[in-house]
Amino acid sequence: MAQETFGSYIRKLRERDNMPLRKLAAYLDIDQSTLSKIETNQRQPTREMVPLLAEVFKLDAKELSVKYLSEKILYEIRDEENGLDALRLAEKTISYNKKGKDKKR
């Protein structure tokens, strides 16, 4: 089963709330065509849109941020032959750096 994309998730939420494309686009301060491209995965949303979307749809901002970031990472590594290995190394590096920061506190 394919994972739901960030754009299709936003479209689903907008349609669930019977919100016109133009209204959400105006709230995000973008063109309707830009929002349409985001919803159809032809364009990536910006980081600044995430808290606004969480607010308008009354979602947990952290959860929505995680969904946004995971797709952004996927977008960057999906065509890389060693993408999964790079992701695992990044996870280890993040864990190592976090432990170092915790010790300094």
Protein backbone atom coordinates (compact mmCIF):
# COMPACT_ATOMS: atom_id res chain seq x y z
CA MET A 1 0.00 0.00 0.00
CA ALA A 2 1.38 3.40 -0.97
CA GLN A 3 2.00 5.96 1.74
CA GLU A 4 -0.23 9.02 1.53
CA THR A 5 1.72 12.07 0.39
CA PHE A 6 1.75 15.35 2.27
CA GLY A 7 -0.06 17.05 -0.59
CA SER A 8 -2.82 14.46 -0.84
CA TYR A 9 -3.20 14.59 2.95
CA ILE A 10 -3.74 18.36 2.80
CA ARG A 11 -6.24 17.94 -0.02
CA LYS A 12 -8.12 15.32 2.00
CA LEU A 13 -8.29 17.65 5.01
CA ARG A 14 -9.43 20.58 2.89
CA GLU A 15 -12.15 18.51 1.25
CA ARG A 16 -13.20 17.04 4.60
CA ASP A 17 -13.77 20.57 5.87
CA ASN A 18 -15.50 21.64 2.63
CA MET A 19 -12.92 24.39 2.27
CA PRO A 20 -12.51 25.88 -1.20
CA LEU A 21 -9.03 25.83 -2.68
CA ARG A 22 -9.08 29.63 -2.91
CA LYS A 23 -9.78 30.01 0.81
CA LEU A 24 -6.87 27.82 1.93
CA ALA A 25 -4.59 29.41 -0.67
CA ALA A 26 -5.48 32.86 0.67
CA TYR A 27 -4.80 31.72 4.25
CA LEU A 28 -1.37 30.43 3.16
CA ASP A 29 -0.81 33.60 1.09
CA ILE A 30 -0.13 31.64 -2.11
CA ASP A 31 -1.83 31.34 -5.50
CA GLN A 32 -4.54 28.76 -5.98
CA SER A 33 -2.46 27.18 -8.72
CA THR A 34 0.47 26.76 -6.31
CA LEU A 35 -1.76 25.06 -3.75
CA SER A 36 -3.22 22.84 -6.44
CA LYS A 37 0.30 21.78 -7.44
CA ILE A 38 1.15 21.03 -3.81
CA GLU A 39 -1.97 18.90 -3.45
CA THR A 40 -1.17 16.97 -6.62
CA ASN A 41 2.51 16.53 -5.65
CA GLN A 42 3.84 18.64 -8.51
CA ARG A 43 5.36 21.08 -6.05
CA GLN A 44 6.68 20.87 -2.48
CA PRO A 45 5.20 23.01 0.30
CA THR A 46 7.45 25.34 2.26
CA ARG A 47 8.38 24.80 5.90
CA GLU A 48 6.53 28.00 6.78
CA MET A 49 3.24 26.50 5.60
CA VAL A 50 3.31 23.63 8.10
CA PRO A 51 2.31 25.53 11.28
CA LEU A 52 -0.34 27.44 9.31
CA LEU A 53 -1.81 24.19 8.03
CA ALA A 54 -1.75 22.71 11.53
CA GLU A 55 -3.60 25.78 12.81
CA VAL A 56 -6.26 25.88 10.11
CA PHE A 57 -7.01 22.15 10.34
CA LYS A 58 -6.56 21.98 14.14
CA LEU A 59 -3.81 19.38 13.93
CA ASP A 60 -0.89 18.59 16.19
CA ALA A 61 1.89 20.80 14.79
CA LYS A 62 4.59 18.28 15.72
CA GLU A 63 2.83 15.41 13.92
CA LEU A 64 2.32 17.48 10.80
CA SER A 65 5.93 18.64 10.92
CA VAL A 66 7.14 15.04 11.11
CA LYS A 67 4.97 14.13 8.10
CA TYR A 68 6.37 17.11 6.18
CA LEU A 69 10.00 16.38 7.09
CA SER A 70 9.74 12.67 6.31
CA GLU A 71 8.47 13.43 2.82
CA LYS A 72 11.16 16.08 2.33
CA ILE A 73 13.85 13.54 3.25
CA LEU A 74 12.28 10.95 0.96
CA TYR A 75 12.22 13.47 -1.87
CA GLU A 76 15.94 14.08 -1.43
CA ILE A 77 17.08 10.44 -1.26
CA ARG A 78 14.51 8.48 -3.26
CA ASP A 79 16.61 8.18 -6.41
CA GLU A 80 19.91 7.63 -4.63
CA GLU A 81 21.35 4.15 -4.87
CA ASN A 82 22.61 4.35 -1.28
CA GLY A 83 19.75 6.44 0.08
CA LEU A 84 18.70 4.00 2.78
CA ASP A 85 22.28 3.58 3.99
CA ALA A 86 22.67 7.35 4.13
CA LEU A 87 19.45 7.62 6.13
CA ARG A 88 20.67 5.02 8.63
CA LEU A 89 23.99 6.85 9.04
CA ALA A 90 22.17 10.15 9.51
CA GLU A 91 20.04 8.54 12.23
CA LYS A 92 23.16 7.32 14.04
CA THR A 93 24.79 10.73 13.70
CA ILE A 94 21.72 12.46 15.10
CA SER A 95 21.64 10.04 18.05
CA TYR A 96 25.35 10.56 18.71
CA ASN A 97 25.05 14.35 18.54
CA LYS A 98 22.00 14.32 20.81
CA LYS A 99 23.88 12.27 23.43
CA GLY A 100 26.77 14.75 23.30
CA LYS A 101 24.40 17.68 23.86
CA ASP A 102 22.69 15.92 26.76
CA LYS A 103 26.04 15.41 28.50
CA LYS A 104 26.87 19.12 28.24
CA ARG A 105 23.69 20.15 30.06
